[in-house]
Amino acid sequence: MNKKLIILFTIFLSLNLFGQNIEHVKDENTGAELEISSDNFPEPFFFDKDSSTYYKKEYIQKISSDLLKIDNTEILLTGHCTILEQKSNPSISINRIKEIKKLLIESGYDENRIVIKDEKTNQPRSSSPESNENRRVDWFIIQR
């Protein structure tokens, strides 16, 4: 079953979280293709070099709190890293996803409403391969 990715502008406007443009992703759990319905997406969770620790926990709590108010949604988390990070630690992007997922769950978000996709170095945000912009977890809201 295909799901449409629907951006819930009320949350994004209240959090002021607009950023990256992606058109299609595939759900690694179900194989379903997720179609994006808007060119605007929330800002990613950025990480320090060679780190999968996320320090802005208040940001996660705010997002989780707002998302808990909306029924029939899931979050798609996609992990990214730089080429050098991938060579030295092949699991860094999935570890970043796990960190954000853990923090969302600790903030009260339902684990069963989180979909993950490990992109590694496949979708650089910057043309500079070692840019800080490529050390991130993107997130999207999916309408069920």
Protein backbone atom coordinates (compact mmCIF):
# COMPACT_ATOMS: atom_id res chain seq x y z
CA MET A 1 0.00 0.00 0.00
CA ASN A 2 1.45 3.37 -1.03
CA LYS A 3 1.40 6.14 1.54
CA LYS A 4 1.47 9.83 0.72
CA LEU A 5 3.88 11.97 2.62
CA ILE A 6 1.86 14.94 3.80
CA ILE A 7 3.48 17.89 5.45
CA LEU A 8 1.44 19.21 8.33
CA PHE A 9 2.05 22.91 7.96
CA THR A 10 0.58 23.85 11.32
CA ILE A 11 3.40 22.04 13.14
CA PHE A 12 6.11 23.25 10.81
CA LEU A 13 4.95 26.84 10.92
CA SER A 14 4.77 26.80 14.70
CA LEU A 15 8.24 25.25 14.94
CA ASN A 16 9.62 27.18 11.95
CA LEU A 17 11.23 24.02 10.53
CA PHE A 18 11.59 24.16 6.77
CA GLY A 19 14.48 22.80 4.75
CA GLN A 20 15.43 20.06 2.27
CA ASN A 21 13.72 18.84 -0.93
CA ILE A 22 13.40 15.09 -1.71
CA GLU A 23 10.87 13.47 -4.04
CA HIS A 24 10.61 9.70 -3.35
CA VAL A 25 11.76 7.30 -0.65
CA LYS A 26 11.10 3.61 -0.07
CA ASP A 27 9.98 2.26 3.31
CA GLU A 28 12.62 -0.34 4.23
CA ASN A 29 10.15 -2.17 6.50
CA THR A 30 7.30 -2.63 4.01
CA GLY A 31 8.88 -1.85 0.65
CA ALA A 32 6.17 0.74 0.00
CA GLU A 33 7.14 3.81 -1.97
CA LEU A 34 6.42 7.04 -0.11
CA GLU A 35 5.46 9.98 -2.29
CA ILE A 36 6.12 13.51 -1.15
CA SER A 37 3.33 16.05 -1.51
CA SER A 38 5.29 19.26 -0.81
CA ASP A 39 8.67 20.83 -1.52
CA ASN A 40 9.11 21.93 2.09
CA PHE A 41 10.46 19.71 4.84
CA PRO A 42 11.51 20.24 8.43
CA GLU A 43 15.11 20.97 9.27
CA PRO A 44 17.21 17.87 9.93
CA PHE A 45 18.81 16.80 13.18
CA PHE A 46 22.50 17.66 12.70
CA PHE A 47 25.37 15.79 14.38
CA ASP A 48 29.00 16.50 15.24
CA LYS A 49 31.73 14.83 13.20
CA ASP A 50 32.03 11.08 13.94
CA SER A 51 29.25 11.31 16.54
CA SER A 52 25.84 9.72 16.90
CA THR A 53 24.99 11.66 20.07
CA TYR A 54 22.30 14.31 19.73
CA TYR A 55 22.44 17.11 22.30
CA LYS A 56 19.34 19.23 21.53
CA LYS A 57 16.91 17.13 23.55
CA GLU A 58 14.52 20.06 24.11
CA TYR A 59 14.05 20.23 20.32
CA ILE A 60 13.11 16.52 20.23
CA GLN A 61 10.72 16.97 23.16
CA LYS A 62 8.99 19.89 21.40
CA ILE A 63 8.59 17.90 18.18
CA SER A 64 7.31 14.83 20.02
CA SER A 65 4.87 16.88 22.06
CA ASP A 66 3.43 18.53 18.93
CA LEU A 67 3.26 15.26 16.98
CA LEU A 68 1.43 13.48 19.79
CA LYS A 69 -1.47 15.87 19.18
CA ILE A 70 -1.96 14.52 15.64
CA ASP A 71 -3.59 11.13 14.99
CA ASN A 72 -2.81 8.82 12.07
CA THR A 73 0.76 9.93 11.46
CA GLU A 74 4.17 8.31 11.42
CA ILE A 75 7.66 9.78 11.31
CA LEU A 76 10.15 8.72 8.65
CA LEU A 77 13.75 9.09 9.86
CA THR A 78 16.55 8.89 7.26
CA GLY A 79 20.18 8.71 8.39
CA HIS A 80 23.11 10.31 6.58
CA CYS A 81 26.87 10.62 7.00
CA THR A 82 30.00 11.79 5.21
CA ILE A 83 32.21 9.54 3.10
CA LEU A 84 35.03 9.53 5.65
CA GLU A 85 32.62 8.75 8.48
CA GLN A 86 31.18 5.86 6.46
CA LYS A 87 34.69 4.45 5.87
CA SER A 88 35.75 4.66 9.51
CA ASN A 89 32.38 3.70 11.06
CA PRO A 90 29.99 1.98 8.61
CA SER A 91 27.10 2.01 11.11
CA ILE A 92 27.25 5.71 12.05
CA SER A 93 24.20 6.79 10.03
CA ILE A 94 22.00 4.00 11.44
CA ASN A 95 23.30 4.82 14.93
CA ARG A 96 22.20 8.41 14.39
CA ILE A 97 18.73 7.20 13.46
CA LYS A 98 18.63 5.01 16.57
CA GLU A 99 19.60 8.00 18.72
CA ILE A 100 16.78 10.19 17.38
CA LYS A 101 14.31 7.29 17.60
CA LYS A 102 15.34 6.63 21.23
CA LEU A 103 14.89 10.31 22.15
CA LEU A 104 11.48 10.48 20.46
CA ILE A 105 10.34 7.37 22.36
CA GLU A 106 11.68 8.78 25.65
CA SER A 107 9.64 11.92 24.92
CA GLY A 108 6.46 9.85 24.62
CA TYR A 109 6.24 9.18 20.88
CA ASP A 110 5.01 5.69 19.92
CA GLU A 111 7.82 3.44 18.66
CA ASN A 112 5.41 1.78 16.21
CA ARG A 113 4.90 5.13 14.47
CA ILE A 114 8.56 5.51 13.49
CA VAL A 115 9.82 4.33 10.08
CA ILE A 116 13.58 4.32 9.40
CA LYS A 117 15.75 4.40 6.27
CA ASP A 118 19.54 4.38 6.27
CA GLU A 119 20.81 6.46 3.34
CA LYS A 120 24.48 6.57 4.45
CA THR A 121 26.23 8.79 1.84
CA ASN A 122 23.54 8.41 -0.86
CA GLN A 123 21.82 11.79 -0.43
CA PRO A 124 24.37 14.48 0.35
CA ARG A 125 22.89 17.83 1.28
CA SER A 126 26.10 19.61 0.34
CA SER A 127 28.34 19.12 -2.71
CA SER A 128 31.32 19.20 -0.34
CA PRO A 129 31.50 15.51 0.69
CA GLU A 130 32.74 16.19 4.24
CA SER A 131 30.37 19.07 4.98
CA ASN A 132 28.59 19.27 8.33
CA GLU A 133 25.35 19.38 6.30
CA ASN A 134 25.88 15.70 5.45
CA ARG A 135 25.99 14.61 9.13
CA ARG A 136 22.28 14.44 9.81
CA VAL A 137 19.01 12.61 10.26
CA ASP A 138 16.20 13.95 8.10
CA TRP A 139 12.63 13.54 9.30
CA PHE A 140 9.28 13.66 7.59
CA ILE A 141 5.70 13.27 8.74
CA ILE A 142 3.72 10.57 6.95
CA GLN A 143 -0.09 10.59 6.93
CA ARG A 144 -1.35 7.01 7.44
